[in-house]
Amino acid sequence: EKLAESKPFNQSIGYMDRLDYVSMMCNEHAYVMAIERL
């Protein structure tokens, strides 16, 4: 989370894949949905 706060929004999408590395695209989905709402 702190790494993501030090990078542009679009550079942290790949970090979400690496959280639950068995459910990659679902993690991305939550992150990009948050950006889209803002």
All heavy atoms as atom14 arrays in JSON, in Angstrom:
{
  "sequence": "EKLAESKPFNQSIGYMDRLDYVSMMCNEHAYVMAIERL",
  "atom14_mask": [
    [1, 1, 1, 1, 1, 1, 1, 1, 1, 0, 0, 0, 0, 0],
    [1, 1, 1, 1, 1, 1, 1, 1, 1, 0, 0, 0, 0, 0],
    [1, 1, 1, 1, 1, 1, 1, 1, 0, 0, 0, 0, 0, 0],
    [1, 1, 1, 1, 1, 0, 0, 0, 0, 0, 0, 0, 0, 0],
    [1, 1, 1, 1, 1, 1, 1, 1, 1, 0, 0, 0, 0, 0],
    [1, 1, 1, 1, 1, 1, 0, 0, 0, 0, 0, 0, 0, 0],
    [1, 1, 1, 1, 1, 1, 1, 1, 1, 0, 0, 0, 0, 0],
    [1, 1, 1, 1, 1, 1, 1, 0, 0, 0, 0, 0, 0, 0],
    [1, 1, 1, 1, 1, 1, 1, 1, 1, 1, 1, 0, 0, 0],
    [1, 1, 1, 1, 1, 1, 1, 1, 0, 0, 0, 0, 0, 0],
    [1, 1, 1, 1, 1, 1, 1, 1, 1, 0, 0, 0, 0, 0],
    [1, 1, 1, 1, 1, 1, 0, 0, 0, 0, 0, 0, 0, 0],
    [1, 1, 1, 1, 1, 1, 1, 1, 0, 0, 0, 0, 0, 0],
    [1, 1, 1, 1, 0, 0, 0, 0, 0, 0, 0, 0, 0, 0],
    [1, 1, 1, 1, 1, 1, 1, 1, 1, 1, 1, 1, 0, 0],
    [1, 1, 1, 1, 1, 1, 1, 1, 0, 0, 0, 0, 0, 0],
    [1, 1, 1, 1, 1, 1, 1, 1, 0, 0, 0, 0, 0, 0],
    [1, 1, 1, 1, 1, 1, 1, 1, 1, 1, 1, 0, 0, 0],
    [1, 1, 1, 1, 1, 1, 1, 1, 0, 0, 0, 0, 0, 0],
    [1, 1, 1, 1, 1, 1, 1, 1, 0, 0, 0, 0, 0, 0],
    [1, 1, 1, 1, 1, 1, 1, 1, 1, 1, 1, 1, 0, 0],
    [1, 1, 1, 1, 1, 1, 1, 0, 0, 0, 0, 0, 0, 0],
    [1, 1, 1, 1, 1, 1, 0, 0, 0, 0, 0, 0, 0, 0],
    [1, 1, 1, 1, 1, 1, 1, 1, 0, 0, 0, 0, 0, 0],
    [1, 1, 1, 1, 1, 1, 1, 1, 0, 0, 0, 0, 0, 0],
    [1, 1, 1, 1, 1, 1, 0, 0, 0, 0, 0, 0, 0, 0],
    [1, 1, 1, 1, 1, 1, 1, 1, 0, 0, 0, 0, 0, 0],
    [1, 1, 1, 1, 1, 1, 1, 1, 1, 0, 0, 0, 0, 0],
    [1, 1, 1, 1, 1, 1, 1, 1, 1, 1, 0, 0, 0, 0],
    [1, 1, 1, 1, 1, 0, 0, 0, 0, 0, 0, 0, 0, 0],
    [1, 1, 1, 1, 1, 1, 1, 1, 1, 1, 1, 1, 0, 0],
    [1, 1, 1, 1, 1, 1, 1, 0, 0, 0, 0, 0, 0, 0],
    [1, 1, 1, 1, 1, 1, 1, 1, 0, 0, 0, 0, 0, 0],
    [1, 1, 1, 1, 1, 0, 0, 0, 0, 0, 0, 0, 0, 0],
    [1, 1, 1, 1, 1, 1, 1, 1, 0, 0, 0, 0, 0, 0],
    [1, 1, 1, 1, 1, 1, 1, 1, 1, 0, 0, 0, 0, 0],
    [1, 1, 1, 1, 1, 1, 1, 1, 1, 1, 1, 0, 0, 0],
    [1, 1, 1, 1, 1, 1, 1, 1, 0, 0, 0, 0, 0, 0]
  ],
  "atom14_positions": [
    [[0.83, -1.21, 0.0], [0.0, 0.0, 0.0], [0.86, 1.26, 0.0], [0.56, 2.24, -0.7], [-0.94, -0.03, 1.21], [-2.04, -1.06, 1.04], [-2.4, -1.78, 2.33], [-1.52, -1.94, 3.19], [-3.56, -2.2, 2.46], [0.0, 0.0, 0.0], [0.0, 0.0, 0.0], [0.0, 0.0, 0.0], [0.0, 0.0, 0.0], [0.0, 0.0, 0.0]],
    [[1.95, 1.25, 0.76], [2.84, 2.42, 0.78], [3.61, 2.55, -0.54], [3.89, 3.66, -1.0], [3.82, 2.32, 1.96], [3.15, 2.55, 3.3], [2.52, 3.94, 3.35], [1.64, 4.12, 4.56], [0.83, 5.36, 4.46], [0.0, 0.0, 0.0], [0.0, 0.0, 0.0], [0.0, 0.0, 0.0], [0.0, 0.0, 0.0], [0.0, 0.0, 0.0]],
    [[3.96, 1.42, -1.14], [4.6, 1.48, -2.47], [3.67, 2.14, -3.48], [4.09, 2.96, -4.3], [4.99, 0.08, -2.93], [6.24, -0.53, -2.31], [6.33, -2.01, -2.65], [7.5, 0.19, -2.78], [0.0, 0.0, 0.0], [0.0, 0.0, 0.0], [0.0, 0.0, 0.0], [0.0, 0.0, 0.0], [0.0, 0.0, 0.0], [0.0, 0.0, 0.0]],
    [[2.38, 1.77, -3.41], [1.41, 2.33, -4.36], [1.24, 3.83, -4.16], [0.96, 4.57, -5.12], [0.07, 1.62, -4.21], [0.0, 0.0, 0.0], [0.0, 0.0, 0.0], [0.0, 0.0, 0.0], [0.0, 0.0, 0.0], [0.0, 0.0, 0.0], [0.0, 0.0, 0.0], [0.0, 0.0, 0.0], [0.0, 0.0, 0.0], [0.0, 0.0, 0.0]],
    [[1.4, 4.31, -2.92], [1.26, 5.74, -2.65], [2.44, 6.55, -3.18], [2.38, 7.79, -3.21], [1.1, 5.97, -1.14], [-0.24, 5.5, -0.6], [-0.3, 5.49, 0.92], [0.61, 6.09, 1.55], [-1.23, 4.9, 1.48], [0.0, 0.0, 0.0], [0.0, 0.0, 0.0], [0.0, 0.0, 0.0], [0.0, 0.0, 0.0], [0.0, 0.0, 0.0]],
    [[3.5, 5.87, -3.61], [4.67, 6.57, -4.12], [4.75, 6.53, -5.64], [5.72, 7.01, -6.22], [5.95, 5.95, -3.53], [6.14, 4.64, -4.03], [0.0, 0.0, 0.0], [0.0, 0.0, 0.0], [0.0, 0.0, 0.0], [0.0, 0.0, 0.0], [0.0, 0.0, 0.0], [0.0, 0.0, 0.0], [0.0, 0.0, 0.0], [0.0, 0.0, 0.0]],
    [[3.74, 5.95, -6.3], [3.78, 5.79, -7.76], [2.52, 6.36, -8.39], [1.47, 6.42, -7.74], [3.88, 4.3, -8.12], [5.14, 3.62, -7.63], [5.12, 2.14, -7.99], [6.35, 1.44, -7.43], [7.6, 1.99, -7.99], [0.0, 0.0, 0.0], [0.0, 0.0, 0.0], [0.0, 0.0, 0.0], [0.0, 0.0, 0.0], [0.0, 0.0, 0.0]],
    [[2.6, 6.77, -9.67], [1.38, 7.18, -10.37], [0.31, 6.09, -10.33], [0.64, 4.9, -10.27], [1.87, 7.44, -11.8], [3.31, 7.78, -11.65], [3.79, 6.95, -10.5], [0.0, 0.0, 0.0], [0.0, 0.0, 0.0], [0.0, 0.0, 0.0], [0.0, 0.0, 0.0], [0.0, 0.0, 0.0], [0.0, 0.0, 0.0], [0.0, 0.0, 0.0]],
    [[-0.95, 6.5, -10.39], [-2.08, 5.57, -10.28], [-1.93, 4.37, -11.22], [-2.14, 3.23, -10.82], [-3.4, 6.29, -10.59], [-3.88, 7.18, -9.5], [-3.56, 8.53, -9.49], [-4.65, 6.68, -8.47], [-4.01, 9.37, -8.47], [-5.1, 7.49, -7.44], [-4.78, 8.85, -7.45], [0.0, 0.0, 0.0], [0.0, 0.0, 0.0], [0.0, 0.0, 0.0]],
    [[-1.56, 4.64, -12.47], [-1.55, 3.56, -13.46], [-0.35, 2.63, -13.33], [-0.29, 1.61, -14.0], [-1.66, 4.12, -14.89], [-0.54, 5.08, -15.22], [0.21, 5.5, -14.34], [-0.41, 5.44, -16.49], [0.0, 0.0, 0.0], [0.0, 0.0, 0.0], [0.0, 0.0, 0.0], [0.0, 0.0, 0.0], [0.0, 0.0, 0.0], [0.0, 0.0, 0.0]],
    [[0.62, 2.96, -12.49], [1.77, 2.08, -12.31], [1.55, 1.02, -11.23], [2.38, 0.14, -11.06], [3.03, 2.89, -11.98], [3.58, 3.66, -13.17], [4.93, 4.31, -12.86], [5.58, 3.98, -11.87], [5.34, 5.24, -13.71], [0.0, 0.0, 0.0], [0.0, 0.0, 0.0], [0.0, 0.0, 0.0], [0.0, 0.0, 0.0], [0.0, 0.0, 0.0]],
    [[0.45, 1.13, -10.5], [0.21, 0.19, -9.39], [-0.78, -0.92, -9.74], [-1.08, -1.74, -8.88], [-0.29, 0.95, -8.16], [0.73, 1.81, -7.68], [0.0, 0.0, 0.0], [0.0, 0.0, 0.0], [0.0, 0.0, 0.0], [0.0, 0.0, 0.0], [0.0, 0.0, 0.0], [0.0, 0.0, 0.0], [0.0, 0.0, 0.0], [0.0, 0.0, 0.0]],
    [[-1.29, -0.92, -10.99], [-2.24, -1.97, -11.36], [-1.6, -3.35, -11.21], [-2.2, -4.28, -10.67], [-2.76, -1.76, -12.8], [-3.45, -0.4, -12.91], [-3.72, -2.88, -13.19], [-3.79, 0.02, -14.33], [0.0, 0.0, 0.0], [0.0, 0.0, 0.0], [0.0, 0.0, 0.0], [0.0, 0.0, 0.0], [0.0, 0.0, 0.0], [0.0, 0.0, 0.0]],
    [[-0.36, -3.46, -11.65], [0.36, -4.74, -11.55], [0.62, -5.17, -10.13], [0.74, -6.38, -9.86], [0.0, 0.0, 0.0], [0.0, 0.0, 0.0], [0.0, 0.0, 0.0], [0.0, 0.0, 0.0], [0.0, 0.0, 0.0], [0.0, 0.0, 0.0], [0.0, 0.0, 0.0], [0.0, 0.0, 0.0], [0.0, 0.0, 0.0], [0.0, 0.0, 0.0]],
    [[0.71, -4.21, -9.19], [0.88, -4.58, -7.78], [-0.32, -5.36, -7.27], [-0.2, -6.23, -6.41], [1.08, -3.34, -6.91], [2.51, -2.91, -6.76], [2.94, -1.67, -7.21], [3.45, -3.75, -6.17], [4.25, -1.26, -7.08], [4.77, -3.36, -6.04], [5.17, -2.12, -6.5], [6.47, -1.74, -6.37], [0.0, 0.0, 0.0], [0.0, 0.0, 0.0]],
    [[-1.51, -4.99, -7.77], [-2.73, -5.67, -7.31], [-2.71, -7.15, -7.71], [-3.19, -8.01, -6.97], [-3.98, -4.99, -7.88], [-4.09, -3.52, -7.5], [-4.15, -3.26, -5.71], [-2.83, -2.07, -5.49], [0.0, 0.0, 0.0], [0.0, 0.0, 0.0], [0.0, 0.0, 0.0], [0.0, 0.0, 0.0], [0.0, 0.0, 0.0], [0.0, 0.0, 0.0]],
    [[-2.17, -7.45, -8.89], [-2.04, -8.84, -9.32], [-1.24, -9.66, -8.31], [-1.48, -10.85, -8.12], [-1.31, -8.92, -10.66], [-2.15, -8.45, -11.83], [-3.29, -8.91, -11.95], [-1.65, -7.63, -12.62], [0.0, 0.0, 0.0], [0.0, 0.0, 0.0], [0.0, 0.0, 0.0], [0.0, 0.0, 0.0], [0.0, 0.0, 0.0], [0.0, 0.0, 0.0]],
    [[-0.27, -9.02, -7.71], [0.69, -9.74, -6.87], [0.2, -9.92, -5.43], [0.89, -10.57, -4.64], [2.04, -8.99, -6.88], [2.75, -9.11, -8.21], [3.75, -7.99, -8.43], [4.51, -8.19, -9.65], [4.08, -7.93, -10.87], [2.85, -7.46, -11.05], [4.85, -8.13, -11.92], [0.0, 0.0, 0.0], [0.0, 0.0, 0.0], [0.0, 0.0, 0.0]],
    [[-0.96, -9.36, -5.1], [-1.5, -9.57, -3.75], [-2.03, -11.0, -3.64], [-1.4, -11.85, -3.04], [-2.59, -8.53, -3.45], [-2.11, -7.09, -3.34], [-3.29, -6.15, -3.15], [-1.13, -6.94, -2.18], [0.0, 0.0, 0.0], [0.0, 0.0, 0.0], [0.0, 0.0, 0.0], [0.0, 0.0, 0.0], [0.0, 0.0, 0.0], [0.0, 0.0, 0.0]],
    [[-3.19, -11.23, -4.21], [-3.68, -12.61, -4.3], [-3.29, -13.1, -5.69], [-3.99, -12.88, -6.66], [-5.19, -12.66, -4.1], [-5.74, -14.07, -4.26], [-4.95, -14.98, -4.53], [-6.96, -14.25, -4.11], [0.0, 0.0, 0.0], [0.0, 0.0, 0.0], [0.0, 0.0, 0.0], [0.0, 0.0, 0.0], [0.0, 0.0, 0.0], [0.0, 0.0, 0.0]],
    [[-2.15, -13.78, -5.77], [-1.6, -14.15, -7.06], [-2.26, -15.4, -7.65], [-1.73, -16.02, -8.56], [-0.07, -14.34, -6.96], [0.4, -14.93, -5.65], [0.32, -16.28, -5.4], [0.9, -14.09, -4.66], [0.74, -16.81, -4.19], [1.32, -14.61, -3.44], [1.23, -15.98, -3.21], [1.64, -16.5, -2.01], [0.0, 0.0, 0.0], [0.0, 0.0, 0.0]],
    [[-3.45, -15.75, -7.12], [-4.27, -16.79, -7.75], [-5.55, -16.15, -8.31], [-6.27, -16.78, -9.06], [-4.61, -17.91, -6.73], [-5.27, -19.09, -7.43], [-3.37, -18.38, -6.0], [0.0, 0.0, 0.0], [0.0, 0.0, 0.0], [0.0, 0.0, 0.0], [0.0, 0.0, 0.0], [0.0, 0.0, 0.0], [0.0, 0.0, 0.0], [0.0, 0.0, 0.0]],
    [[-5.83, -14.91, -7.95], [-7.05, -14.22, -8.39], [-6.7, -12.86, -8.98], [-7.23, -11.82, -8.57], [-8.01, -14.04, -7.21], [-8.18, -15.23, -6.52], [0.0, 0.0, 0.0], [0.0, 0.0, 0.0], [0.0, 0.0, 0.0], [0.0, 0.0, 0.0], [0.0, 0.0, 0.0], [0.0, 0.0, 0.0], [0.0, 0.0, 0.0], [0.0, 0.0, 0.0]],
    [[-5.79, -12.87, -9.95], [-5.12, -11.65, -10.39], [-6.07, -10.57, -10.9], [-6.07, -9.45, -10.41], [-4.09, -11.99, -11.46], [-2.98, -12.92, -11.0], [-3.48, -14.64, -10.79], [-3.57, -15.26, -12.44], [0.0, 0.0, 0.0], [0.0, 0.0, 0.0], [0.0, 0.0, 0.0], [0.0, 0.0, 0.0], [0.0, 0.0, 0.0], [0.0, 0.0, 0.0]],
    [[-6.9, -10.89, -11.89], [-7.71, -9.85, -12.52], [-8.8, -9.31, -11.59], [-9.2, -8.15, -11.73], [-8.32, -10.37, -13.82], [-7.3, -10.51, -14.94], [-8.08, -10.71, -16.54], [-6.7, -11.27, -17.54], [0.0, 0.0, 0.0], [0.0, 0.0, 0.0], [0.0, 0.0, 0.0], [0.0, 0.0, 0.0], [0.0, 0.0, 0.0], [0.0, 0.0, 0.0]],
    [[-9.27, -10.12, -10.65], [-10.26, -9.61, -9.69], [-9.65, -8.51, -8.82], [-10.33, -7.52, -8.5], [-10.79, -10.75, -8.82], [-11.86, -11.9, -9.72], [0.0, 0.0, 0.0], [0.0, 0.0, 0.0], [0.0, 0.0, 0.0], [0.0, 0.0, 0.0], [0.0, 0.0, 0.0], [0.0, 0.0, 0.0], [0.0, 0.0, 0.0], [0.0, 0.0, 0.0]],
    [[-8.38, -8.67, -8.43], [-7.72, -7.63, -7.64], [-7.59, -6.34, -8.45], [-7.85, -5.24, -7.94], [-6.32, -8.08, -7.22], [-6.34, -9.35, -6.41], [-7.37, -9.79, -5.93], [-5.18, -9.97, -6.25], [0.0, 0.0, 0.0], [0.0, 0.0, 0.0], [0.0, 0.0, 0.0], [0.0, 0.0, 0.0], [0.0, 0.0, 0.0], [0.0, 0.0, 0.0]],
    [[-7.17, -6.5, -9.71], [-7.06, -5.33, -10.6], [-8.4, -4.61, -10.69], [-8.46, -3.38, -10.72], [-6.68, -5.76, -12.02], [-5.3, -6.32, -12.2], [-5.09, -6.77, -13.64], [-5.87, -6.34, -14.52], [-4.15, -7.54, -13.88], [0.0, 0.0, 0.0], [0.0, 0.0, 0.0], [0.0, 0.0, 0.0], [0.0, 0.0, 0.0], [0.0, 0.0, 0.0]],
    [[-9.46, -5.4, -10.76], [-10.79, -4.84, -11.0], [-11.18, -3.85, -9.9], [-11.67, -2.75, -10.17], [-11.83, -5.97, -11.09], [-13.06, -5.57, -11.82], [-14.04, -6.46, -12.21], [-13.51, -4.36, -12.24], [-15.0, -5.82, -12.84], [-14.7, -4.54, -12.86], [0.0, 0.0, 0.0], [0.0, 0.0, 0.0], [0.0, 0.0, 0.0], [0.0, 0.0, 0.0]],
    [[-10.95, -4.24, -8.64], [-11.31, -3.35, -7.53], [-10.5, -2.05, -7.61], [-11.04, -0.96, -7.4], [-11.07, -4.06, -6.2], [0.0, 0.0, 0.0], [0.0, 0.0, 0.0], [0.0, 0.0, 0.0], [0.0, 0.0, 0.0], [0.0, 0.0, 0.0], [0.0, 0.0, 0.0], [0.0, 0.0, 0.0], [0.0, 0.0, 0.0], [0.0, 0.0, 0.0]],
    [[-9.23, -2.16, -7.92], [-8.35, -0.98, -7.96], [-8.76, -0.02, -9.09], [-8.9, 1.19, -8.87], [-6.9, -1.42, -8.1], [-5.91, -0.28, -8.16], [-5.72, 0.55, -7.06], [-5.17, -0.03, -9.31], [-4.82, 1.61, -7.11], [-4.26, 1.02, -9.36], [-4.09, 1.84, -8.27], [-3.2, 2.88, -8.31], [0.0, 0.0, 0.0], [0.0, 0.0, 0.0]],
    [[-8.95, -0.56, -10.3], [-9.3, 0.33, -11.41], [-10.72, 0.89, -11.24], [-11.0, 2.02, -11.66], [-9.12, -0.34, -12.79], [-7.69, -0.76, -13.01], [-10.06, -1.52, -12.99], [0.0, 0.0, 0.0], [0.0, 0.0, 0.0], [0.0, 0.0, 0.0], [0.0, 0.0, 0.0], [0.0, 0.0, 0.0], [0.0, 0.0, 0.0], [0.0, 0.0, 0.0]],
    [[-11.61, 0.13, -10.6], [-12.96, 0.65, -10.32], [-12.89, 1.86, -9.38], [-13.62, 2.84, -9.55], [-13.85, -0.43, -9.7], [-14.6, -1.27, -10.72], [-15.47, -2.67, -9.96], [-16.41, -1.89, -8.69], [0.0, 0.0, 0.0], [0.0, 0.0, 0.0], [0.0, 0.0, 0.0], [0.0, 0.0, 0.0], [0.0, 0.0, 0.0], [0.0, 0.0, 0.0]],
    [[-12.0, 1.79, -8.39], [-11.84, 2.92, -7.46], [-11.35, 4.16, -8.21], [-11.87, 5.28, -7.99], [-10.87, 2.54, -6.35], [0.0, 0.0, 0.0], [0.0, 0.0, 0.0], [0.0, 0.0, 0.0], [0.0, 0.0, 0.0], [0.0, 0.0, 0.0], [0.0, 0.0, 0.0], [0.0, 0.0, 0.0], [0.0, 0.0, 0.0], [0.0, 0.0, 0.0]],
    [[-10.38, 3.98, -9.1], [-9.87, 5.11, -9.9], [-10.98, 5.67, -10.78], [-11.17, 6.89, -10.9], [-8.66, 4.67, -10.74], [-7.51, 4.24, -9.84], [-8.2, 5.81, -11.66], [-6.34, 3.59, -10.57], [0.0, 0.0, 0.0], [0.0, 0.0, 0.0], [0.0, 0.0, 0.0], [0.0, 0.0, 0.0], [0.0, 0.0, 0.0], [0.0, 0.0, 0.0]],
    [[-11.74, 4.78, -11.43], [-12.82, 5.21, -12.33], [-13.89, 6.01, -11.58], [-14.45, 6.96, -12.13], [-13.44, 4.0, -13.02], [-12.55, 3.43, -14.11], [-12.89, 1.99, -14.49], [-13.81, 1.4, -13.88], [-12.23, 1.45, -15.38], [0.0, 0.0, 0.0], [0.0, 0.0, 0.0], [0.0, 0.0, 0.0], [0.0, 0.0, 0.0], [0.0, 0.0, 0.0]],
    [[-14.17, 5.62, -10.35], [-15.18, 6.35, -9.57], [-14.7, 7.77, -9.25], [-15.48, 8.72, -9.31], [-15.51, 5.59, -8.29], [-16.35, 4.36, -8.55], [-16.68, 3.6, -7.29], [-17.38, 2.36, -7.6], [-17.76, 1.46, -6.69], [-17.51, 1.68, -5.41], [-18.38, 0.35, -7.06], [0.0, 0.0, 0.0], [0.0, 0.0, 0.0], [0.0, 0.0, 0.0]],
    [[-13.42, 7.9, -8.92], [-12.89, 9.24, -8.66], [-12.83, 10.07, -9.94], [-13.04, 11.29, -9.91], [-11.5, 9.14, -8.03], [-11.44, 8.63, -6.59], [-10.0, 8.47, -6.13], [-12.19, 9.57, -5.64], [0.0, 0.0, 0.0], [0.0, 0.0, 0.0], [0.0, 0.0, 0.0], [0.0, 0.0, 0.0], [0.0, 0.0, 0.0], [0.0, 0.0, 0.0]]
  ]
}
